[in-house]
Amino acid sequence: MSTRARKAEPFEPGLVPAPGGFLDWRDGRHFDRWQDRPCALCTKPTPMRSHRDEPVHKVCAEAWITANPVKARQGRFASDPQPKRSRAKADDDHA
Protein backbone atom coordinates (compact mmCIF):
# COMPACT_ATOMS: atom_id res chain seq x y z
CA MET A 1 0.00 0.00 0.00
CA SER A 2 1.45 3.36 -0.95
CA THR A 3 1.95 6.20 1.52
CA ARG A 4 -0.74 8.26 -0.22
CA ALA A 5 -3.26 5.39 -0.09
CA ARG A 6 -3.08 5.12 3.71
CA LYS A 7 -5.22 7.45 5.79
CA ALA A 8 -3.01 10.01 7.44
CA GLU A 9 -2.48 9.60 11.15
CA PRO A 10 -3.91 12.37 13.37
CA PHE A 11 -1.32 15.06 13.80
CA GLU A 12 -0.30 16.67 17.06
CA PRO A 13 -2.72 19.44 17.96
CA GLY A 14 -0.07 21.61 19.57
CA LEU A 15 -0.71 23.37 22.81
CA VAL A 16 -4.28 23.62 24.03
CA PRO A 17 -4.85 27.31 24.69
CA ALA A 18 -5.99 28.57 28.05
CA PRO A 19 -9.76 29.08 28.25
CA GLY A 20 -10.53 32.14 26.15
CA GLY A 21 -7.33 31.69 24.12
CA PHE A 22 -6.91 30.94 20.43
CA LEU A 23 -6.00 27.74 18.60
CA ASP A 24 -3.12 27.80 16.09
CA TRP A 25 -4.65 26.23 12.99
CA ARG A 26 -2.19 27.57 10.38
CA ASP A 27 -1.33 24.01 9.31
CA GLY A 28 -3.09 23.17 6.03
CA ARG A 29 -4.41 19.91 7.48
CA HIS A 30 -7.01 21.98 9.36
CA PHE A 31 -8.65 22.86 6.05
CA ASP A 32 -10.48 20.54 3.63
CA ARG A 33 -10.52 22.35 0.31
CA TRP A 34 -12.75 19.72 -1.28
CA GLN A 35 -15.70 19.32 1.05
CA ASP A 36 -17.65 21.24 3.67
CA ARG A 37 -19.16 19.03 6.37
CA PRO A 38 -21.46 19.91 9.30
CA CYS A 39 -19.61 21.27 12.32
CA ALA A 40 -19.56 18.79 15.22
CA LEU A 41 -20.76 21.57 17.53
CA CYS A 42 -23.06 23.95 15.61
CA THR A 43 -23.95 21.74 12.58
CA LYS A 44 -23.34 24.57 10.05
CA PRO A 45 -21.11 23.58 7.08
CA THR A 46 -17.38 24.13 7.48
CA PRO A 47 -14.18 23.27 5.59
CA MET A 48 -12.25 23.43 8.89
CA ARG A 49 -11.06 20.22 10.58
CA SER A 50 -9.79 19.46 14.07
CA HIS A 51 -6.50 17.65 14.70
CA ARG A 52 -8.48 14.40 14.38
CA ASP A 53 -10.10 15.43 11.08
CA GLU A 54 -13.44 16.26 12.71
CA PRO A 55 -15.39 19.04 10.99
CA VAL A 56 -15.50 22.00 13.38
CA HIS A 57 -15.24 25.76 13.10
CA LYS A 58 -12.18 27.15 14.84
CA VAL A 59 -14.34 29.55 16.85
CA CYS A 60 -16.65 26.68 17.89
CA ALA A 61 -13.65 24.62 19.05
CA GLU A 62 -12.27 27.59 21.00
CA ALA A 63 -15.64 28.15 22.67
CA TRP A 64 -15.82 24.46 23.58
CA ILE A 65 -12.32 24.62 25.11
CA THR A 66 -13.40 27.64 27.17
CA ALA A 67 -16.49 25.77 28.40
CA ASN A 68 -14.65 22.44 28.97
CA PRO A 69 -11.04 23.28 29.94
CA VAL A 70 -10.37 20.07 31.89
CA LYS A 71 -11.52 17.79 29.06
CA ALA A 72 -9.56 19.90 26.55
CA ARG A 73 -6.35 19.64 28.60
CA GLN A 74 -6.85 15.85 28.69
CA GLY A 75 -6.74 15.88 24.88
CA ARG A 76 -10.46 15.24 24.45
CA PHE A 77 -12.86 17.03 22.15
CA ALA A 78 -16.64 17.41 22.05
CA SER A 79 -17.17 14.67 19.52
CA ASP A 80 -14.73 12.18 21.08
CA PRO A 81 -16.42 9.04 22.40
CA GLN A 82 -17.05 8.92 26.12
CA PRO A 83 -14.79 6.69 28.18
CA LYS A 84 -16.58 3.52 29.29
CA ARG A 85 -18.13 3.78 32.71
CA SER A 86 -20.10 1.47 34.90
CA ARG A 87 -22.97 3.96 35.23
CA ALA A 88 -24.00 6.92 33.06
CA LYS A 89 -23.96 10.29 34.75
CA ALA A 90 -27.08 12.43 34.45
CA ASP A 91 -25.07 15.66 34.45
CA ASP A 92 -22.87 14.67 31.50
CA ASP A 93 -22.69 17.58 29.03
CA HIS A 94 -20.43 15.88 26.51
CA ALA A 95 -21.51 16.85 22.99
C-alpha atoms as a PDB file:
ATOM      1  CA  MET A   1       0.000   0.000   0.000  1.00  0.00           C
ATOM      2  CA  SER A   2       1.446   3.358  -0.950  1.00  0.00           C
ATOM      3  CA  THR A   3       1.955   6.195   1.516  1.00  0.00           C
ATOM      4  CA  ARG A   4      -0.736   8.260  -0.220  1.00  0.00           C
ATOM      5  CA  ALA A   5      -3.261   5.387  -0.088  1.00  0.00           C
ATOM      6  CA  ARG A   6      -3.084   5.117   3.714  1.00  0.00           C
ATOM      7  CA  LYS A   7      -5.220   7.451   5.785  1.00  0.00           C
ATOM      8  CA  ALA A   8      -3.009  10.013   7.437  1.00  0.00           C
ATOM      9  CA  GLU A   9      -2.484   9.604  11.151  1.00  0.00           C
ATOM     10  CA  PRO A  10      -3.906  12.369  13.366  1.00  0.00           C
ATOM     11  CA  PHE A  11      -1.319  15.063  13.803  1.00  0.00           C
ATOM     12  CA  GLU A  12      -0.299  16.671  17.057  1.00  0.00           C
ATOM     13  CA  PRO A  13      -2.723  19.438  17.963  1.00  0.00           C
ATOM     14  CA  GLY A  14      -0.067  21.608  19.566  1.00  0.00           C
ATOM     15  CA  LEU A  15      -0.709  23.374  22.808  1.00  0.00           C
ATOM     16  CA  VAL A  16      -4.276  23.616  24.026  1.00  0.00           C
ATOM     17  CA  PRO A  17      -4.848  27.307  24.689  1.00  0.00           C
ATOM     18  CA  ALA A  18      -5.986  28.569  28.047  1.00  0.00           C
ATOM     19  CA  PRO A  19      -9.755  29.079  28.255  1.00  0.00           C
ATOM     20  CA  GLY A  20     -10.535  32.136  26.145  1.00  0.00           C
ATOM     21  CA  GLY A  21      -7.331  31.685  24.122  1.00  0.00           C
ATOM     22  CA  PHE A  22      -6.913  30.944  20.434  1.00  0.00           C
ATOM     23  CA  LEU A  23      -5.996  27.742  18.596  1.00  0.00           C
ATOM     24  CA  ASP A  24      -3.123  27.800  16.093  1.00  0.00           C
ATOM     25  CA  TRP A  25      -4.648  26.227  12.987  1.00  0.00           C
ATOM     26  CA  ARG A  26      -2.192  27.569  10.383  1.00  0.00           C
ATOM     27  CA  ASP A  27      -1.327  24.013   9.311  1.00  0.00           C
ATOM     28  CA  GLY A  28      -3.090  23.174   6.028  1.00  0.00           C
ATOM     29  CA  ARG A  29      -4.408  19.912   7.477  1.00  0.00           C
ATOM     30  CA  HIS A  30      -7.005  21.976   9.361  1.00  0.00           C
ATOM     31  CA  PHE A  31      -8.651  22.857   6.049  1.00  0.00           C
ATOM     32  CA  ASP A  32     -10.484  20.543   3.625  1.00  0.00           C
ATOM     33  CA  ARG A  33     -10.518  22.352   0.305  1.00  0.00           C
ATOM     34  CA  TRP A  34     -12.750  19.717  -1.283  1.00  0.00           C
ATOM     35  CA  GLN A  35     -15.704  19.320   1.046  1.00  0.00           C
ATOM     36  CA  ASP A  36     -17.647  21.236   3.672  1.00  0.00           C
ATOM     37  CA  ARG A  37     -19.160  19.030   6.366  1.00  0.00           C
ATOM     38  CA  PRO A  38     -21.463  19.907   9.298  1.00  0.00           C
ATOM     39  CA  CYS A  39     -19.608  21.271  12.324  1.00  0.00           C
ATOM     40  CA  ALA A  40     -19.561  18.789  15.222  1.00  0.00           C
ATOM     41  CA  LEU A  41     -20.762  21.575  17.527  1.00  0.00           C
ATOM     42  CA  CYS A  42     -23.056  23.949  15.613  1.00  0.00           C
ATOM     43  CA  THR A  43     -23.951  21.741  12.580  1.00  0.00           C
ATOM     44  CA  LYS A  44     -23.336  24.569  10.053  1.00  0.00           C
ATOM     45  CA  PRO A  45     -21.115  23.577   7.077  1.00  0.00           C
ATOM     46  CA  THR A  46     -17.384  24.125   7.479  1.00  0.00           C
ATOM     47  CA  PRO A  47     -14.183  23.271   5.592  1.00  0.00           C
ATOM     48  CA  MET A  48     -12.254  23.431   8.890  1.00  0.00           C
ATOM     49  CA  ARG A  49     -11.057  20.217  10.580  1.00  0.00           C
ATOM     50  CA  SER A  50      -9.790  19.465  14.069  1.00  0.00           C
ATOM     51  CA  HIS A  51      -6.502  17.653  14.697  1.00  0.00           C
ATOM     52  CA  ARG A  52      -8.479  14.397  14.378  1.00  0.00           C
ATOM     53  CA  ASP A  53     -10.102  15.432  11.081  1.00  0.00           C
ATOM     54  CA  GLU A  54     -13.440  16.258  12.709  1.00  0.00           C
ATOM     55  CA  PRO A  55     -15.388  19.040  10.994  1.00  0.00           C
ATOM     56  CA  VAL A  56     -15.504  22.002  13.375  1.00  0.00           C
ATOM     57  CA  HIS A  57     -15.245  25.764  13.100  1.00  0.00           C
ATOM     58  CA  LYS A  58     -12.182  27.150  14.838  1.00  0.00           C
ATOM     59  CA  VAL A  59     -14.344  29.547  16.851  1.00  0.00           C
ATOM     60  CA  CYS A  60     -16.654  26.679  17.890  1.00  0.00           C
ATOM     61  CA  ALA A  61     -13.647  24.625  19.051  1.00  0.00           C
ATOM     62  CA  GLU A  62     -12.269  27.586  21.004  1.00  0.00           C
ATOM     63  CA  ALA A  63     -15.645  28.152  22.670  1.00  0.00           C
ATOM     64  CA  TRP A  64     -15.822  24.456  23.583  1.00  0.00           C
ATOM     65  CA  ILE A  65     -12.324  24.625  25.107  1.00  0.00           C
ATOM     66  CA  THR A  66     -13.397  27.638  27.169  1.00  0.00           C
ATOM     67  CA  ALA A  67     -16.491  25.765  28.399  1.00  0.00           C
ATOM     68  CA  ASN A  68     -14.652  22.442  28.966  1.00  0.00           C
ATOM     69  CA  PRO A  69     -11.042  23.278  29.943  1.00  0.00           C
ATOM     70  CA  VAL A  70     -10.371  20.071  31.886  1.00  0.00           C
ATOM     71  CA  LYS A  71     -11.521  17.789  29.055  1.00  0.00           C
ATOM     72  CA  ALA A  72      -9.562  19.904  26.553  1.00  0.00           C
ATOM     73  CA  ARG A  73      -6.355  19.637  28.602  1.00  0.00           C
ATOM     74  CA  GLN A  74      -6.850  15.854  28.686  1.00  0.00           C
ATOM     75  CA  GLY A  75      -6.741  15.882  24.884  1.00  0.00           C
ATOM     76  CA  ARG A  76     -10.456  15.244  24.454  1.00  0.00           C
ATOM     77  CA  PHE A  77     -12.865  17.034  22.149  1.00  0.00           C
ATOM     78  CA  ALA A  78     -16.636  17.415  22.054  1.00  0.00           C
ATOM     79  CA  SER A  79     -17.166  14.667  19.516  1.00  0.00           C
ATOM     80  CA  ASP A  80     -14.726  12.180  21.076  1.00  0.00           C
ATOM     81  CA  PRO A  81     -16.417   9.035  22.405  1.00  0.00           C
ATOM     82  CA  GLN A  82     -17.050   8.923  26.116  1.00  0.00           C
ATOM     83  CA  PRO A  83     -14.786   6.686  28.180  1.00  0.00           C
ATOM     84  CA  LYS A  84     -16.576   3.524  29.286  1.00  0.00           C
ATOM     85  CA  ARG A  85     -18.134   3.784  32.710  1.00  0.00           C
ATOM     86  CA  SER A  86     -20.097   1.467  34.904  1.00  0.00           C
ATOM     87  CA  ARG A  87     -22.967   3.956  35.230  1.00  0.00           C
ATOM     88  CA  ALA A  88     -23.996   6.915  33.063  1.00  0.00           C
ATOM     89  CA  LYS A  89     -23.960  10.293  34.755  1.00  0.00           C
ATOM     90  CA  ALA A  90     -27.076  12.430  34.453  1.00  0.00           C
ATOM     91  CA  ASP A  91     -25.066  15.656  34.445  1.00  0.00           C
ATOM     92  CA  ASP A  92     -22.868  14.674  31.499  1.00  0.00           C
ATOM     93  CA  ASP A  93     -22.691  17.583  29.028  1.00  0.00           C
ATOM     94  CA  HIS A  94     -20.427  15.882  26.513  1.00  0.00           C
ATOM     95  CA  ALA A  95     -21.506  16.854  22.988  1.00  0.00           C
END
